[in-house]
Amino acid sequence: MKMLAPFSFALLFSGLTYASVPSEGSHASQEMQMAMKAMCEKMDGMQLSHEANQDFVKMMIPHHQSAVDMAQAYLKEGTDPEIVDLAQKIIEAQKKEIEILTNWLKERGGNNPGSPR
């Protein structure tokens, strides 16, 4: 199985975007790629407070939303029972964490960098 995480972080920090990555493969693969691109765009355009707590929370919301979007895309075509189960668990867990992060920001007067879908 290919690991996407090191590649995605390399793109984030190299100034490249997912727009430069060719869209190939299944519809689900393309949707997963679009989810990563959306996350990168949100994080790139984010105004940081330069306060570690708030910036961490702000960055984690689109990161978690991307995981939800990718898992939902996978479920449209994925057939491996173990990965289907994992994708469902990812959706459930990440949505809960998005809610926690969003509430944390609201309680402290921070702005939400992107509403969960």
PDB file of N, CA and C in Angstrom:
ATOM      1  N   MET A   1       0.851  -1.183   0.000  1.00  0.00           N
ATOM      2  CA  MET A   1       0.000   0.000   0.000  1.00  0.00           C
ATOM      3  C   MET A   1       0.892   1.240   0.000  1.00  0.00           C
ATOM      4  N   LYS A   2       0.608   2.198  -0.867  1.00  0.00           N
ATOM      5  CA  LYS A   2       1.378   3.437  -0.939  1.00  0.00           C
ATOM      6  C   LYS A   2       1.020   4.335   0.230  1.00  0.00           C
ATOM      7  N   MET A   3       2.007   5.039   0.732  1.00  0.00           N
ATOM      8  CA  MET A   3       1.789   5.998   1.807  1.00  0.00           C
ATOM      9  C   MET A   3       1.670   7.382   1.202  1.00  0.00           C
ATOM     10  N   LEU A   4       0.561   8.058   1.458  1.00  0.00           N
ATOM     11  CA  LEU A   4       0.327   9.389   0.911  1.00  0.00           C
ATOM     12  C   LEU A   4       0.824  10.477   1.850  1.00  0.00           C
ATOM     13  N   ALA A   5       0.815  10.216   3.147  1.00  0.00           N
ATOM     14  CA  ALA A   5       1.125  11.261   4.116  1.00  0.00           C
ATOM     15  C   ALA A   5       2.465  11.948   3.877  1.00  0.00           C
ATOM     16  N   PRO A   6       3.594  11.230   3.744  1.00  0.00           N
ATOM     17  CA  PRO A   6       4.857  11.955   3.523  1.00  0.00           C
ATOM     18  C   PRO A   6       4.816  12.793   2.257  1.00  0.00           C
ATOM     19  N   PHE A   7       4.173  12.278   1.209  1.00  0.00           N
ATOM     20  CA  PHE A   7       4.057  13.015  -0.035  1.00  0.00           C
ATOM     21  C   PHE A   7       3.248  14.278   0.165  1.00  0.00           C
ATOM     22  N   SER A   8       2.133  14.184   0.890  1.00  0.00           N
ATOM     23  CA  SER A   8       1.292  15.358   1.085  1.00  0.00           C
ATOM     24  C   SER A   8       2.008  16.416   1.913  1.00  0.00           C
ATOM     25  N   PHE A   9       2.746  15.996   2.930  1.00  0.00           N
ATOM     26  CA  PHE A   9       3.467  16.975   3.721  1.00  0.00           C
ATOM     27  C   PHE A   9       4.581  17.608   2.896  1.00  0.00           C
ATOM     28  N   ALA A  10       5.206  16.830   2.037  1.00  0.00           N
ATOM     29  CA  ALA A  10       6.235  17.399   1.162  1.00  0.00           C
ATOM     30  C   ALA A  10       5.623  18.463   0.267  1.00  0.00           C
ATOM     31  N   LEU A  11       4.419  18.207  -0.245  1.00  0.00           N
ATOM     32  CA  LEU A  11       3.753  19.201  -1.081  1.00  0.00           C
ATOM     33  C   LEU A  11       3.393  20.442  -0.282  1.00  0.00           C
ATOM     34  N   LEU A  12       2.909  20.243   0.933  1.00  0.00           N
ATOM     35  CA  LEU A  12       2.533  21.392   1.764  1.00  0.00           C
ATOM     36  C   LEU A  12       3.713  22.317   2.004  1.00  0.00           C
ATOM     37  N   PHE A  13       4.858  21.735   2.283  1.00  0.00           N
ATOM     38  CA  PHE A  13       5.979  22.552   2.668  1.00  0.00           C
ATOM     39  C   PHE A  13       6.871  22.950   1.496  1.00  0.00           C
ATOM     40  N   SER A  14       6.605  22.427   0.333  1.00  0.00           N
ATOM     41  CA  SER A  14       7.431  22.790  -0.812  1.00  0.00           C
ATOM     42  C   SER A  14       6.828  23.926  -1.626  1.00  0.00           C
ATOM     43  N   GLY A  15       5.604  24.330  -1.287  1.00  0.00           N
ATOM     44  CA  GLY A  15       4.961  25.394  -2.041  1.00  0.00           C
ATOM     45  C   GLY A  15       4.149  24.871  -3.199  1.00  0.00           C
ATOM     46  N   LEU A  16       4.191  23.568  -3.449  1.00  0.00           N
ATOM     47  CA  LEU A  16       3.379  22.986  -4.512  1.00  0.00           C
ATOM     48  C   LEU A  16       1.971  22.775  -3.988  1.00  0.00           C
ATOM     49  N   THR A  17       1.043  22.564  -4.893  1.00  0.00           N
ATOM     50  CA  THR A  17      -0.326  22.277  -4.477  1.00  0.00           C
ATOM     51  C   THR A  17      -0.786  21.002  -5.154  1.00  0.00           C
ATOM     52  N   TYR A  18      -1.900  20.492  -4.702  1.00  0.00           N
ATOM     53  CA  TYR A  18      -2.446  19.293  -5.310  1.00  0.00           C
ATOM     54  C   TYR A  18      -2.955  19.550  -6.718  1.00  0.00           C
ATOM     55  N   ALA A  19      -3.075  20.797  -7.101  1.00  0.00           N
ATOM     56  CA  ALA A  19      -3.495  21.097  -8.470  1.00  0.00           C
ATOM     57  C   ALA A  19      -2.452  20.590  -9.463  1.00  0.00           C
ATOM     58  N   SER A  20      -1.209  20.457  -9.007  1.00  0.00           N
ATOM     59  CA  SER A  20      -0.151  20.003  -9.900  1.00  0.00           C
ATOM     60  C   SER A  20      -0.064  18.478  -9.976  1.00  0.00           C
ATOM     61  N   VAL A  21      -0.856  17.773  -9.182  1.00  0.00           N
ATOM     62  CA  VAL A  21      -0.851  16.317  -9.199  1.00  0.00           C
ATOM     63  C   VAL A  21      -1.908  15.848 -10.185  1.00  0.00           C
ATOM     64  N   PRO A  22      -1.554  14.986 -11.138  1.00  0.00           N
ATOM     65  CA  PRO A  22      -2.531  14.558 -12.135  1.00  0.00           C
ATOM     66  C   PRO A  22      -3.672  13.764 -11.518  1.00  0.00           C
ATOM     67  N   SER A  23      -4.886  13.973 -12.019  1.00  0.00           N
ATOM     68  CA  SER A  23      -6.049  13.232 -11.557  1.00  0.00           C
ATOM     69  C   SER A  23      -6.188  11.967 -12.388  1.00  0.00           C
ATOM     70  N   GLU A  24      -5.809  10.877 -11.791  1.00  0.00           N
ATOM     71  CA  GLU A  24      -5.907   9.586 -12.451  1.00  0.00           C
ATOM     72  C   GLU A  24      -6.582   8.622 -11.494  1.00  0.00           C
ATOM     73  N   GLY A  25      -7.096   7.544 -12.039  1.00  0.00           N
ATOM     74  CA  GLY A  25      -7.659   6.503 -11.191  1.00  0.00           C
ATOM     75  C   GLY A  25      -9.161   6.571 -11.111  1.00  0.00           C
ATOM     76  N   SER A  26      -9.675   5.863 -10.133  1.00  0.00           N
ATOM     77  CA  SER A  26     -11.116   5.755  -9.956  1.00  0.00           C
ATOM     78  C   SER A  26     -11.733   7.084  -9.538  1.00  0.00           C
ATOM     79  N   HIS A  27     -13.046   7.140  -9.616  1.00  0.00           N
ATOM     80  CA  HIS A  27     -13.764   8.338  -9.168  1.00  0.00           C
ATOM     81  C   HIS A  27     -13.483   8.587  -7.685  1.00  0.00           C
ATOM     82  N   ALA A  28     -13.475   7.524  -6.890  1.00  0.00           N
ATOM     83  CA  ALA A  28     -13.190   7.664  -5.455  1.00  0.00           C
ATOM     84  C   ALA A  28     -11.786   8.226  -5.249  1.00  0.00           C
ATOM     85  N   SER A  29     -10.830   7.750  -6.025  1.00  0.00           N
ATOM     86  CA  SER A  29      -9.454   8.252  -5.908  1.00  0.00           C
ATOM     87  C   SER A  29      -9.387   9.734  -6.237  1.00  0.00           C
ATOM     88  N   GLN A  30     -10.116  10.138  -7.255  1.00  0.00           N
ATOM     89  CA  GLN A  30     -10.142  11.551  -7.625  1.00  0.00           C
ATOM     90  C   GLN A  30     -10.802  12.384  -6.528  1.00  0.00           C
ATOM     91  N   GLU A  31     -11.878  11.861  -5.920  1.00  0.00           N
ATOM     92  CA  GLU A  31     -12.536  12.581  -4.818  1.00  0.00           C
ATOM     93  C   GLU A  31     -11.604  12.717  -3.622  1.00  0.00           C
ATOM     94  N   MET A  32     -10.836  11.658  -3.349  1.00  0.00           N
ATOM     95  CA  MET A  32      -9.891  11.725  -2.236  1.00  0.00           C
ATOM     96  C   MET A  32      -8.818  12.776  -2.518  1.00  0.00           C
ATOM     97  N   GLN A  33      -8.376  12.826  -3.752  1.00  0.00           N
ATOM     98  CA  GLN A  33      -7.382  13.820  -4.148  1.00  0.00           C
ATOM     99  C   GLN A  33      -7.959  15.233  -4.013  1.00  0.00           C
ATOM    100  N   MET A  34      -9.225  15.406  -4.403  1.00  0.00           N
ATOM    101  CA  MET A  34      -9.870  16.721  -4.275  1.00  0.00           C
ATOM    102  C   MET A  34      -9.998  17.116  -2.805  1.00  0.00           C
ATOM    103  N   ALA A  35     -10.246  16.143  -1.931  1.00  0.00           N
ATOM    104  CA  ALA A  35     -10.342  16.428  -0.500  1.00  0.00           C
ATOM    105  C   ALA A  35      -9.003  16.935   0.034  1.00  0.00           C
ATOM    106  N   MET A  36      -7.927  16.312  -0.416  1.00  0.00           N
ATOM    107  CA  MET A  36      -6.604  16.760   0.014  1.00  0.00           C
ATOM    108  C   MET A  36      -6.301  18.158  -0.519  1.00  0.00           C
ATOM    109  N   LYS A  37      -6.691  18.408  -1.760  1.00  0.00           N
ATOM    110  CA  LYS A  37      -6.466  19.728  -2.355  1.00  0.00           C
ATOM    111  C   LYS A  37      -7.237  20.795  -1.577  1.00  0.00           C
ATOM    112  N   ALA A  38      -8.488  20.500  -1.235  1.00  0.00           N
ATOM    113  CA  ALA A  38      -9.304  21.455  -0.477  1.00  0.00           C
ATOM    114  C   ALA A  38      -8.664  21.743   0.876  1.00  0.00           C
ATOM    115  N   MET A  39      -8.150  20.702   1.524  1.00  0.00           N
ATOM    116  CA  MET A  39      -7.497  20.901   2.817  1.00  0.00           C
ATOM    117  C   MET A  39      -6.276  21.806   2.661  1.00  0.00           C
ATOM    118  N   CYS A  40      -5.468  21.531   1.658  1.00  0.00           N
ATOM    119  CA  CYS A  40      -4.260  22.336   1.443  1.00  0.00           C
ATOM    120  C   CYS A  40      -4.612  23.800   1.177  1.00  0.00           C
ATOM    121  N   GLU A  41      -5.654  24.024   0.382  1.00  0.00           N
ATOM    122  CA  GLU A  41      -6.068  25.390   0.070  1.00  0.00           C
ATOM    123  C   GLU A  41      -6.569  26.107   1.322  1.00  0.00           C
ATOM    124  N   LYS A  42      -7.354  25.413   2.150  1.00  0.00           N
ATOM    125  CA  LYS A  42      -7.848  26.037   3.383  1.00  0.00           C
ATOM    126  C   LYS A  42      -6.710  26.371   4.324  1.00  0.00           C
ATOM    127  N   MET A  43      -5.778  25.431   4.450  1.00  0.00           N
ATOM    128  CA  MET A  43      -4.668  25.666   5.364  1.00  0.00           C
ATOM    129  C   MET A  43      -3.725  26.745   4.839  1.00  0.00           C
ATOM    130  N   ASP A  44      -3.536  26.788   3.525  1.00  0.00           N
ATOM    131  CA  ASP A  44      -2.658  27.780   2.927  1.00  0.00           C
ATOM    132  C   ASP A  44      -3.234  29.189   3.084  1.00  0.00           C
ATOM    133  N   GLY A  45      -4.555  29.321   2.996  1.00  0.00           N
ATOM    134  CA  GLY A  45      -5.194  30.622   3.098  1.00  0.00           C
ATOM    135  C   GLY A  45      -5.563  31.035   4.509  1.00  0.00           C
ATOM    136  N   MET A  46      -5.213  30.210   5.463  1.00  0.00           N
ATOM    137  CA  MET A  46      -5.596  30.436   6.851  1.00  0.00           C
ATOM    138  C   MET A  46      -4.767  31.552   7.484  1.00  0.00           C
ATOM    139  N   GLN A  47      -5.451  32.418   8.199  1.00  0.00           N
ATOM    140  CA  GLN A  47      -4.752  33.456   8.958  1.00  0.00           C
ATOM    141  C   GLN A  47      -4.439  32.898  10.334  1.00  0.00           C
ATOM    142  N   LEU A  48      -3.160  32.774  10.627  1.00  0.00           N
ATOM    143  CA  LEU A  48      -2.753  32.212  11.904  1.00  0.00           C
ATOM    144  C   LEU A  48      -2.656  33.298  12.964  1.00  0.00           C
ATOM    145  N   SER A  49      -2.877  32.891  14.202  1.00  0.00           N
ATOM    146  CA  SER A  49      -2.812  33.825  15.324  1.00  0.00           C
ATOM    147  C   SER A  49      -1.409  33.881  15.911  1.00  0.00           C
ATOM    148  N   HIS A  50      -0.580  32.924  15.559  1.00  0.00           N
ATOM    149  CA  HIS A  50       0.762  32.762  16.105  1.00  0.00           C
ATOM    150  C   HIS A  50       0.709  32.407  17.584  1.00  0.00           C
ATOM    151  N   GLU A  51      -0.402  31.835  17.984  1.00  0.00           N
ATOM    152  CA  GLU A  51      -0.584  31.293  19.326  1.00  0.00           C
ATOM    153  C   GLU A  51      -0.804  29.798  19.121  1.00  0.00           C
ATOM    154  N   ALA A  52       0.060  28.978  19.684  1.00  0.00           N
ATOM    155  CA  ALA A  52       0.102  27.544  19.379  1.00  0.00           C
ATOM    156  C   ALA A  52      -1.241  26.836  19.561  1.00  0.00           C
ATOM    157  N   ASN A  53      -1.944  27.110  20.645  1.00  0.00           N
ATOM    158  CA  ASN A  53      -3.210  26.412  20.892  1.00  0.00           C
ATOM    159  C   ASN A  53      -4.223  26.685  19.789  1.00  0.00           C
ATOM    160  N   GLN A  54      -4.448  27.962  19.524  1.00  0.00           N
ATOM    161  CA  GLN A  54      -5.441  28.329  18.504  1.00  0.00           C
ATOM    162  C   GLN A  54      -5.025  27.878  17.110  1.00  0.00           C
ATOM    163  N   ASP A  55      -3.772  28.040  16.762  1.00  0.00           N
ATOM    164  CA  ASP A  55      -3.318  27.650  15.430  1.00  0.00           C
ATOM    165  C   ASP A  55      -3.427  26.139  15.234  1.00  0.00           C
ATOM    166  N   PHE A  56      -3.081  25.364  16.246  1.00  0.00           N
ATOM    167  CA  PHE A  56      -3.210  23.910  16.164  1.00  0.00           C
ATOM    168  C   PHE A  56      -4.665  23.522  15.902  1.00  0.00           C
ATOM    169  N   VAL A  57      -5.572  24.097  16.684  1.00  0.00           N
ATOM    170  CA  VAL A  57      -6.999  23.772  16.536  1.00  0.00           C
ATOM    171  C   VAL A  57      -7.498  24.192  15.163  1.00  0.00           C
ATOM    172  N   LYS A  58      -7.137  25.394  14.719  1.00  0.00           N
ATOM    173  CA  LYS A  58      -7.564  25.875  13.399  1.00  0.00           C
ATOM    174  C   LYS A  58      -7.081  24.954  12.283  1.00  0.00           C
ATOM    175  N   MET A  59      -5.851  24.469  12.386  1.00  0.00           N
ATOM    176  CA  MET A  59      -5.306  23.605  11.339  1.00  0.00           C
ATOM    177  C   MET A  59      -5.892  22.199  11.387  1.00  0.00           C
ATOM    178  N   MET A  60      -6.239  21.750  12.571  1.00  0.00           N
ATOM    179  CA  MET A  60      -6.761  20.385  12.688  1.00  0.00           C
ATOM    180  C   MET A  60      -8.165  20.243  12.120  1.00  0.00           C
ATOM    181  N   ILE A  61      -8.957  21.298  12.117  1.00  0.00           N
ATOM    182  CA  ILE A  61     -10.319  21.191  11.589  1.00  0.00           C
ATOM    183  C   ILE A  61     -10.314  20.812  10.103  1.00  0.00           C
ATOM    184  N   PRO A  62      -9.629  21.535   9.225  1.00  0.00           N
ATOM    185  CA  PRO A  62      -9.619  21.102   7.821  1.00  0.00           C
ATOM    186  C   PRO A  62      -8.891  19.767   7.623  1.00  0.00           C
ATOM    187  N   HIS A  63      -7.901  19.504   8.452  1.00  0.00           N
ATOM    188  CA  HIS A  63      -7.190  18.221   8.372  1.00  0.00           C
ATOM    189  C   HIS A  63      -8.168  17.070   8.657  1.00  0.00           C
ATOM    190  N   HIS A  64      -8.950  17.203   9.719  1.00  0.00           N
ATOM    191  CA  HIS A  64      -9.926  16.175  10.068  1.00  0.00           C
ATOM    192  C   HIS A  64     -11.037  16.097   9.022  1.00  0.00           C
ATOM    193  N   GLN A  65     -11.478  17.259   8.508  1.00  0.00           N
ATOM    194  CA  GLN A  65     -12.535  17.256   7.495  1.00  0.00           C
ATOM    195  C   GLN A  65     -12.053  16.524   6.241  1.00  0.00           C
ATOM    196  N   SER A  66     -10.788  16.693   5.911  1.00  0.00           N
ATOM    197  CA  SER A  66     -10.225  15.988   4.770  1.00  0.00           C
ATOM    198  C   SER A  66     -10.272  14.481   4.993  1.00  0.00           C
ATOM    199  N   ALA A  67      -9.985  14.047   6.211  1.00  0.00           N
ATOM    200  CA  ALA A  67     -10.063  12.613   6.520  1.00  0.00           C
ATOM    201  C   ALA A  67     -11.490  12.099   6.356  1.00  0.00           C
ATOM    202  N   VAL A  68     -12.467  12.885   6.806  1.00  0.00           N
ATOM    203  CA  VAL A  68     -13.877  12.509   6.644  1.00  0.00           C
ATOM    204  C   VAL A  68     -14.223  12.415   5.162  1.00  0.00           C
ATOM    205  N   ASP A  69     -13.858  13.429   4.409  1.00  0.00           N
ATOM    206  CA  ASP A  69     -14.173  13.461   2.975  1.00  0.00           C
ATOM    207  C   ASP A  69     -13.523  12.291   2.235  1.00  0.00           C
ATOM    208  N   MET A  70     -12.281  11.992   2.576  1.00  0.00           N
ATOM    209  CA  MET A  70     -11.586  10.887   1.923  1.00  0.00           C
ATOM    210  C   MET A  70     -12.227   9.549   2.280  1.00  0.00           C
ATOM    211  N   ALA A  71     -12.593   9.380   3.537  1.00  0.00           N
ATOM    212  CA  ALA A  71     -13.229   8.129   3.960  1.00  0.00           C
ATOM    213  C   ALA A  71     -14.591   7.961   3.282  1.00  0.00           C
ATOM    214  N   GLN A  72     -15.344   9.052   3.180  1.00  0.00           N
ATOM    215  CA  GLN A  72     -16.644   8.978   2.503  1.00  0.00           C
ATOM    216  C   GLN A  72     -16.469   8.634   1.019  1.00  0.00           C
ATOM    217  N   ALA A  73     -15.453   9.198   0.387  1.00  0.00           N
ATOM    218  CA  ALA A  73     -15.176   8.874  -1.013  1.00  0.00           C
ATOM    219  C   ALA A  73     -14.784   7.407  -1.150  1.00  0.00           C
ATOM    220  N   TYR A  74     -13.954   6.939  -0.243  1.00  0.00           N
ATOM    221  CA  TYR A  74     -13.542   5.541  -0.280  1.00  0.00           C
ATOM    222  C   TYR A  74     -14.751   4.608  -0.189  1.00  0.00           C
ATOM    223  N   LEU A  75     -15.694   4.926   0.690  1.00  0.00           N
ATOM    224  CA  LEU A  75     -16.849   4.052   0.904  1.00  0.00           C
ATOM    225  C   LEU A  75     -17.721   3.902  -0.347  1.00  0.00           C
ATOM    226  N   LYS A  76     -17.599   4.823  -1.281  1.00  0.00           N
ATOM    227  CA  LYS A  76     -18.376   4.723  -2.516  1.00  0.00           C
ATOM    228  C   LYS A  76     -17.896   3.573  -3.394  1.00  0.00           C
ATOM    229  N   GLU A  77     -16.629   3.205  -3.286  1.00  0.00           N
ATOM    230  CA  GLU A  77     -16.073   2.161  -4.145  1.00  0.00           C
ATOM    231  C   GLU A  77     -15.282   1.096  -3.407  1.00  0.00           C
ATOM    232  N   GLY A  78     -14.909   1.375  -2.165  1.00  0.00           N
ATOM    233  CA  GLY A  78     -14.068   0.440  -1.422  1.00  0.00           C
ATOM    234  C   GLY A  78     -14.776  -0.873  -1.141  1.00  0.00           C
ATOM    235  N   THR A  79     -14.026  -1.954  -1.221  1.00  0.00           N
ATOM    236  CA  THR A  79     -14.621  -3.278  -1.039  1.00  0.00           C
ATOM    237  C   THR A  79     -13.953  -4.104   0.061  1.00  0.00           C
ATOM    238  N   ASP A  80     -12.782  -3.709   0.517  1.00  0.00           N
ATOM    239  CA  ASP A  80     -12.092  -4.482   1.552  1.00  0.00           C
ATOM    240  C   ASP A  80     -12.805  -4.277   2.887  1.00  0.00           C
ATOM    241  N   PRO A  81     -13.365  -5.353   3.473  1.00  0.00           N
ATOM    242  CA  PRO A  81     -14.156  -5.208   4.701  1.00  0.00           C
ATOM    243  C   PRO A  81     -13.398  -4.524   5.844  1.00  0.00           C
ATOM    244  N   GLU A  82     -12.114  -4.801   5.967  1.00  0.00           N
ATOM    245  CA  GLU A  82     -11.321  -4.197   7.039  1.00  0.00           C
ATOM    246  C   GLU A  82     -11.181  -2.685   6.829  1.00  0.00           C
ATOM    247  N   ILE A  83     -10.950  -2.273   5.592  1.00  0.00           N
ATOM    248  CA  ILE A  83     -10.776  -0.854   5.294  1.00  0.00           C
ATOM    249  C   ILE A  83     -12.128  -0.132   5.306  1.00  0.00           C
ATOM    250  N   VAL A  84     -13.186  -0.810   4.866  1.00  0.00           N
ATOM    251  CA  VAL A  84     -14.533  -0.226   4.955  1.00  0.00           C
ATOM    252  C   VAL A  84     -14.855   0.080   6.415  1.00  0.00           C
ATOM    253  N   ASP A  85     -14.576  -0.884   7.299  1.00  0.00           N
ATOM    254  CA  ASP A  85     -14.812  -0.684   8.733  1.00  0.00           C
ATOM    255  C   ASP A  85     -13.968   0.466   9.265  1.00  0.00           C
ATOM    256  N   LEU A  86     -12.710   0.514   8.857  1.00  0.00           N
ATOM    257  CA  LEU A  86     -11.818   1.587   9.290  1.00  0.00           C
ATOM    258  C   LEU A  86     -12.322   2.945   8.803  1.00  0.00           C
ATOM    259  N   ALA A  87     -12.750   3.024   7.546  1.00  0.00           N
ATOM    260  CA  ALA A  87     -13.265   4.286   6.998  1.00  0.00           C
ATOM    261  C   ALA A  87     -14.484   4.761   7.789  1.00  0.00           C
ATOM    262  N   GLN A  88     -15.367   3.844   8.124  1.00  0.00           N
ATOM    263  CA  GLN A  88     -16.551   4.215   8.908  1.00  0.00           C
ATOM    264  C   GLN A  88     -16.154   4.735  10.292  1.00  0.00           C
ATOM    265  N   LYS A  89     -15.168   4.102  10.897  1.00  0.00           N
ATOM    266  CA  LYS A  89     -14.692   4.544  12.215  1.00  0.00           C
ATOM    267  C   LYS A  89     -14.006   5.904  12.119  1.00  0.00           C
ATOM    268  N   ILE A  90     -13.269   6.117  11.037  1.00  0.00           N
ATOM    269  CA  ILE A  90     -12.607   7.413  10.827  1.00  0.00           C
ATOM    270  C   ILE A  90     -13.650   8.522  10.731  1.00  0.00           C
ATOM    271  N   ILE A  91     -14.696   8.285   9.966  1.00  0.00           N
ATOM    272  CA  ILE A  91     -15.754   9.296   9.807  1.00  0.00           C
ATOM    273  C   ILE A  91     -16.350   9.643  11.164  1.00  0.00           C
ATOM    274  N   GLU A  92     -16.701   8.641  11.916  1.00  0.00           N
ATOM    275  CA  GLU A  92     -17.329   8.862  13.228  1.00  0.00           C
ATOM    276  C   GLU A  92     -16.392   9.612  14.179  1.00  0.00           C
ATOM    277  N   ALA A  93     -15.159   9.150  14.271  1.00  0.00           N
ATOM    278  CA  ALA A  93     -14.209   9.755  15.206  1.00  0.00           C
ATOM    279  C   ALA A  93     -13.846  11.182  14.800  1.00  0.00           C
ATOM    280  N   GLN A  94     -13.577  11.391  13.513  1.00  0.00           N
ATOM    281  CA  GLN A  94     -13.143  12.708  13.058  1.00  0.00           C
ATOM    282  C   GLN A  94     -14.260  13.743  13.188  1.00  0.00           C
ATOM    283  N   LYS A  95     -15.505  13.338  12.925  1.00  0.00           N
ATOM    284  CA  LYS A  95     -16.626  14.269  13.086  1.00  0.00           C
ATOM    285  C   LYS A  95     -16.762  14.705  14.547  1.00  0.00           C
ATOM    286  N   LYS A  96     -16.576  13.772  15.469  1.00  0.00           N
ATOM    287  CA  LYS A  96     -16.631  14.116  16.897  1.00  0.00           C
ATOM    288  C   LYS A  96     -15.512  15.090  17.249  1.00  0.00           C
ATOM    289  N   GLU A  97     -14.329  14.821  16.724  1.00  0.00           N
ATOM    290  CA  GLU A  97     -13.193  15.698  17.028  1.00  0.00           C
ATOM    291  C   GLU A  97     -13.350  17.074  16.385  1.00  0.00           C
ATOM    292  N   ILE A  98     -13.936  17.132  15.192  1.00  0.00           N
ATOM    293  CA  ILE A  98     -14.215  18.428  14.561  1.00  0.00           C
ATOM    294  C   ILE A  98     -15.155  19.235  15.455  1.00  0.00           C
ATOM    295  N   GLU A  99     -16.163  18.579  15.993  1.00  0.00           N
ATOM    296  CA  GLU A  99     -17.108  19.263  16.885  1.00  0.00           C
ATOM    297  C   GLU A  99     -16.401  19.787  18.136  1.00  0.00           C
ATOM    298  N   ILE A 100     -15.532  18.971  18.720  1.00  0.00           N
ATOM    299  CA  ILE A 100     -14.765  19.395  19.903  1.00  0.00           C
ATOM    300  C   ILE A 100     -13.881  20.592  19.560  1.00  0.00           C
ATOM    301  N   LEU A 101     -13.177  20.511  18.450  1.00  0.00           N
ATOM    302  CA  LEU A 101     -12.278  21.593  18.036  1.00  0.00           C
ATOM    303  C   LEU A 101     -13.046  22.877  17.737  1.00  0.00           C
ATOM    304  N   THR A 102     -14.168  22.743  17.034  1.00  0.00           N
ATOM    305  CA  THR A 102     -14.994  23.907  16.687  1.00  0.00           C
ATOM    306  C   THR A 102     -15.531  24.570  17.952  1.00  0.00           C
ATOM    307  N   ASN A 103     -16.011  23.764  18.884  1.00  0.00           N
ATOM    308  CA  ASN A 103     -16.524  24.315  20.147  1.00  0.00           C
ATOM    309  C   ASN A 103     -15.417  24.994  20.942  1.00  0.00           C
ATOM    310  N   TRP A 104     -14.226  24.414  20.934  1.00  0.00           N
ATOM    311  CA  TRP A 104     -13.101  25.007  21.641  1.00  0.00           C
ATOM    312  C   TRP A 104     -12.815  26.401  21.088  1.00  0.00           C
ATOM    313  N   LEU A 105     -12.812  26.517  19.757  1.00  0.00           N
ATOM    314  CA  LEU A 105     -12.573  27.822  19.134  1.00  0.00           C
ATOM    315  C   LEU A 105     -13.668  28.821  19.495  1.00  0.00           C
ATOM    316  N   LYS A 106     -14.924  28.390  19.405  1.00  0.00           N
ATOM    317  CA  LYS A 106     -16.053  29.285  19.715  1.00  0.00           C
ATOM    318  C   LYS A 106     -15.970  29.790  21.146  1.00  0.00           C
ATOM    319  N   GLU A 107     -15.637  28.906  22.077  1.00  0.00           N
ATOM    320  CA  GLU A 107     -15.549  29.285  23.494  1.00  0.00           C
ATOM    321  C   GLU A 107     -14.457  30.312  23.745  1.00  0.00           C
ATOM    322  N   ARG A 108     -13.467  30.342  22.879  1.00  0.00           N
ATOM    323  CA  ARG A 108     -12.345  31.252  23.077  1.00  0.00           C
ATOM    324  C   ARG A 108     -12.329  32.397  22.069  1.00  0.00           C
ATOM    325  N   GLY A 109     -13.407  32.545  21.339  1.00  0.00           N
ATOM    326  CA  GLY A 109     -13.542  33.653  20.413  1.00  0.00           C
ATOM    327  C   GLY A 109     -12.752  33.498  19.130  1.00  0.00           C
ATOM    328  N   GLY A 110     -12.278  32.303  18.845  1.00  0.00           N
ATOM    329  CA  GLY A 110     -11.556  32.064  17.599  1.00  0.00           C
ATOM    330  C   GLY A 110     -12.518  31.871  16.448  1.00  0.00           C
ATOM    331  N   ASN A 111     -12.017  32.032  15.246  1.00  0.00           N
ATOM    332  CA  ASN A 111     -12.870  31.823  14.083  1.00  0.00           C
ATOM    333  C   ASN A 111     -12.664  30.429  13.522  1.00  0.00           C
ATOM    334  N   ASN A 112     -13.716  29.854  12.993  1.00  0.00           N
ATOM    335  CA  ASN A 112     -13.666  28.515  12.432  1.00  0.00           C
ATOM    336  C   ASN A 112     -13.166  28.602  10.996  1.00  0.00           C
ATOM    337  N   PRO A 113     -12.059  27.899  10.669  1.00  0.00           N
ATOM    338  CA  PRO A 113     -11.479  27.991   9.336  1.00  0.00           C
ATOM    339  C   PRO A 113     -12.280  27.270   8.256  1.00  0.00           C
ATOM    340  N   GLY A 114     -13.291  26.559   8.640  1.00  0.00           N
ATOM    341  CA  GLY A 114     -14.097  25.835   7.654  1.00  0.00           C
ATOM    342  C   GLY A 114     -15.107  24.983   8.370  1.00  0.00           C
ATOM    343  N   SER A 115     -16.349  25.168   8.075  1.00  0.00           N
ATOM    344  CA  SER A 115     -17.390  24.398   8.752  1.00  0.00           C
ATOM    345  C   SER A 115     -17.382  22.955   8.285  1.00  0.00           C
ATOM    346  N   PRO A 116     -17.603  22.026   9.222  1.00  0.00           N
ATOM    347  CA  PRO A 116     -17.720  20.632   8.824  1.00  0.00           C
ATOM    348  C   PRO A 116     -18.889  20.438   7.890  1.00  0.00           C
ATOM    349  N   ARG A 117     -18.747  19.532   6.957  1.00  0.00           N
ATOM    350  CA  ARG A 117     -19.826  19.266   6.000  1.00  0.00           C
ATOM    351  C   ARG A 117     -20.800  18.283   6.567  1.00  0.00           C
TER     352      ARG A 117
END
